[in-house]
């Protein structure tokens, strides 16, 4: 089903319900506007591409970014998340490997290797995806966009809203389960 068929069906149903065609079209535009891109997708300029590559080479993002900073201030290399993920995965992996093999060094090493590898891979791919998301978002923002423009984008706001709602639901579930237990 294409977009035009959906629009025609919506307008037809609204007119049958007693609305004018103009009211139906206005309602249709409002209902879909919140998640629509504000700008058409564009090609990034050579200067923006260079800025992206420089940002991806930094060990850390800008720690105290302001609204005036470019969107690339949030980008950084996946090296640190990979290393931290490997460390945080390797230690529990080594402990689990040791516990499962009666303290053998081989089990500890294998557990550290598996846990560290998994933690490192998760850290790397998560940061790589974040950088790619920011780069994609830059193609939907005007040239020279700042973090203020990025935070004002409806898609970013929707993602934040979904994350907050998930956190709220999780907290509600925790509080309810504690209350039911007494």
Protein backbone atom coordinates (compact mmCIF):
# COMPACT_ATOMS: atom_id res chain seq x y z
CA UNK A 1 0.00 0.00 0.00
CA UNK A 2 1.45 3.36 -0.93
CA UNK A 3 1.28 6.68 0.86
CA UNK A 4 -1.23 8.19 -1.57
CA UNK A 5 -3.69 5.34 -0.98
CA UNK A 6 -3.39 5.80 2.78
CA UNK A 7 -4.02 9.55 2.47
CA UNK A 8 -7.04 9.02 0.19
CA UNK A 9 -8.48 6.41 2.58
CA UNK A 10 -7.96 8.67 5.59
CA UNK A 11 -9.58 11.65 3.90
CA UNK A 12 -12.52 9.54 2.67
CA UNK A 13 -13.14 8.17 6.19
CA UNK A 14 -12.88 11.65 7.72
CA UNK A 15 -15.35 13.13 5.20
CA UNK A 16 -17.77 10.26 5.87
CA UNK A 17 -17.47 11.05 9.58
CA UNK A 18 -18.56 14.66 8.95
CA UNK A 19 -15.25 16.52 8.59
CA UNK A 20 -14.39 18.73 5.64
CA UNK A 21 -11.64 17.65 3.28
CA UNK A 22 -9.48 20.56 4.51
CA UNK A 23 -9.92 19.49 8.15
CA UNK A 24 -8.97 15.93 7.21
CA UNK A 25 -5.83 17.06 5.35
CA UNK A 26 -4.79 19.34 8.23
CA UNK A 27 -5.29 16.51 10.73
CA UNK A 28 -3.33 14.13 8.52
CA UNK A 29 -0.41 16.55 8.37
CA UNK A 30 -0.36 17.11 12.13
CA UNK A 31 -0.54 13.41 12.94
CA UNK A 32 2.53 12.56 10.86
CA UNK A 33 4.54 15.71 11.30
CA UNK A 34 6.17 14.84 14.62
CA UNK A 35 8.34 12.04 13.22
CA UNK A 36 8.96 13.40 9.74
CA UNK A 37 12.38 14.71 8.85
CA UNK A 38 12.55 18.48 8.94
CA UNK A 39 14.80 18.62 5.87
CA UNK A 40 15.35 16.42 2.85
CA UNK A 41 18.40 14.19 2.92
CA UNK A 42 21.45 15.95 1.51
CA UNK A 43 25.03 15.12 0.66
CA UNK A 44 27.56 16.11 3.30
CA UNK A 45 30.13 18.68 2.22
CA UNK A 46 33.84 17.78 2.04
CA UNK A 47 34.43 19.98 5.12
CA UNK A 48 31.74 18.08 7.05
CA UNK A 49 33.19 14.72 5.98
CA UNK A 50 36.63 15.85 7.16
CA UNK A 51 35.12 17.02 10.46
CA UNK A 52 33.46 13.59 10.88
CA UNK A 53 36.71 11.72 10.24
CA UNK A 54 38.56 13.92 12.75
CA UNK A 55 35.83 13.37 15.34
CA UNK A 56 35.91 9.58 14.85
CA UNK A 57 39.64 9.69 15.60
CA UNK A 58 39.25 11.30 19.03
CA UNK A 59 39.59 9.06 22.08
CA UNK A 60 36.76 10.85 23.93
CA UNK A 61 33.87 13.10 22.88
CA UNK A 62 33.90 16.72 23.94
CA UNK A 63 33.18 16.45 27.65
CA UNK A 64 31.37 19.75 28.09
CA UNK A 65 29.60 20.26 24.77
CA UNK A 66 27.35 23.29 24.37
CA UNK A 67 24.47 23.98 22.02
CA UNK A 68 26.87 25.95 19.78
CA UNK A 69 29.10 22.93 19.11
CA UNK A 70 28.74 20.95 15.88
CA UNK A 71 26.97 17.58 15.95
CA UNK A 72 30.37 15.88 15.60
CA UNK A 73 31.17 16.91 19.18
CA UNK A 74 29.27 13.77 20.25
CA UNK A 75 31.34 11.47 18.00
CA UNK A 76 34.47 9.62 19.07
CA UNK A 77 36.55 6.55 18.31
CA UNK A 78 35.25 3.11 19.32
CA UNK A 79 38.68 2.31 20.83
CA UNK A 80 37.85 3.29 24.42
CA UNK A 81 34.45 1.53 24.56
CA UNK A 82 36.10 -1.56 23.04
CA UNK A 83 38.85 -1.58 25.67
CA UNK A 84 36.50 -0.91 28.56
CA UNK A 85 34.03 -3.51 27.27
CA UNK A 86 36.82 -6.08 26.99
CA UNK A 87 37.99 -5.32 30.53
CA UNK A 88 34.50 -5.35 32.01
CA UNK A 89 33.64 -8.55 30.13
CA UNK A 90 36.98 -10.27 30.72
CA UNK A 91 37.02 -10.08 34.52
CA UNK A 92 33.60 -11.70 35.05
CA UNK A 93 34.39 -14.13 32.24
CA UNK A 94 37.59 -15.20 34.00
CA UNK A 95 35.75 -15.61 37.31
CA UNK A 96 32.99 -17.64 35.67
CA UNK A 97 35.51 -19.78 33.79
CA UNK A 98 37.41 -20.43 36.99
CA UNK A 99 34.26 -21.33 38.92
CA UNK A 100 32.97 -23.66 36.20
CA UNK A 101 36.27 -25.55 35.86
CA UNK A 102 37.25 -25.94 39.53
CA UNK A 103 39.82 -23.15 39.39
CA UNK A 104 41.81 -24.34 36.40
CA UNK A 105 43.92 -21.72 34.66
CA UNK A 106 42.70 -22.94 31.28
CA UNK A 107 39.07 -22.34 32.22
CA UNK A 108 39.92 -18.93 33.63
CA UNK A 109 41.76 -17.94 30.47
CA UNK A 110 39.00 -19.22 28.21
CA UNK A 111 36.36 -17.40 30.25
CA UNK A 112 38.38 -14.18 30.14
CA UNK A 113 38.85 -14.53 26.40
CA UNK A 114 35.16 -15.15 25.74
CA UNK A 115 33.90 -12.50 28.16
CA UNK A 116 36.47 -9.95 27.02
CA UNK A 117 35.79 -10.64 23.37
CA UNK A 118 32.05 -10.28 23.83
CA UNK A 119 32.39 -7.11 25.93
CA UNK A 120 34.85 -5.57 23.48
CA UNK A 121 32.67 -6.39 20.48
CA UNK A 122 29.61 -4.89 22.17
CA UNK A 123 31.52 -1.70 23.05
CA UNK A 124 32.93 -1.37 19.53
CA UNK A 125 29.71 -1.97 17.63
CA UNK A 126 27.65 0.23 19.96
CA UNK A 127 29.95 3.23 19.46
CA UNK A 128 30.23 2.55 15.72
CA UNK A 129 26.41 2.55 15.48
CA UNK A 130 26.18 5.80 17.50
CA UNK A 131 28.67 7.48 15.15
CA UNK A 132 26.77 6.25 12.09
CA UNK A 133 23.47 7.48 13.55
CA UNK A 134 24.94 10.94 14.12
CA UNK A 135 26.38 10.99 10.60
CA UNK A 136 23.00 10.00 9.14
CA UNK A 137 21.27 12.66 11.22
CA UNK A 138 23.71 15.26 9.88
CA UNK A 139 22.43 14.52 6.35
CA UNK A 140 18.93 15.50 7.55
CA UNK A 141 20.01 18.72 9.29
CA UNK A 142 21.01 21.94 7.51
CA UNK A 143 24.70 22.43 6.70
CA UNK A 144 26.54 23.78 9.73
CA UNK A 145 23.96 22.41 12.18
CA UNK A 146 24.76 22.58 15.87
CA UNK A 147 23.84 20.37 18.80
CA UNK A 148 20.91 22.71 19.38
CA UNK A 149 19.55 21.78 15.95
CA UNK A 150 20.18 18.10 16.65
CA UNK A 151 18.35 18.15 20.00
CA UNK A 152 15.41 20.03 18.45
CA UNK A 153 14.93 17.38 15.75
CA UNK A 154 11.64 15.46 16.16
CA UNK A 155 13.27 12.06 15.62
CA UNK A 156 15.80 12.69 18.41
CA UNK A 157 13.02 13.85 20.72
CA UNK A 158 10.97 10.74 19.90
CA UNK A 159 13.94 8.46 20.68
CA UNK A 160 14.43 10.21 24.01
CA UNK A 161 10.73 9.92 24.79
CA UNK A 162 10.74 6.18 24.07
CA UNK A 163 13.79 5.71 26.29
CA UNK A 164 12.18 7.69 29.14
CA UNK A 165 8.95 5.71 28.83
CA UNK A 166 10.89 2.43 28.97
CA UNK A 167 12.69 3.64 32.09
CA UNK A 168 9.43 4.73 33.66
CA UNK A 169 7.84 1.34 32.94
CA UNK A 170 10.83 -0.48 34.40
CA UNK A 171 10.76 1.63 37.55
CA UNK A 172 7.00 1.11 37.91
CA UNK A 173 7.47 -2.65 37.59
CA UNK A 174 10.21 -2.63 40.23
CA UNK A 175 8.12 -0.58 42.66
CA UNK A 176 5.05 -2.74 42.09
CA UNK A 177 6.96 -5.97 42.64
CA UNK A 178 8.45 -4.57 45.89
CA UNK A 179 5.04 -3.41 47.06
CA UNK A 180 3.45 -6.80 46.32
CA UNK A 181 6.18 -8.63 48.23
CA UNK A 182 5.42 -6.62 51.29
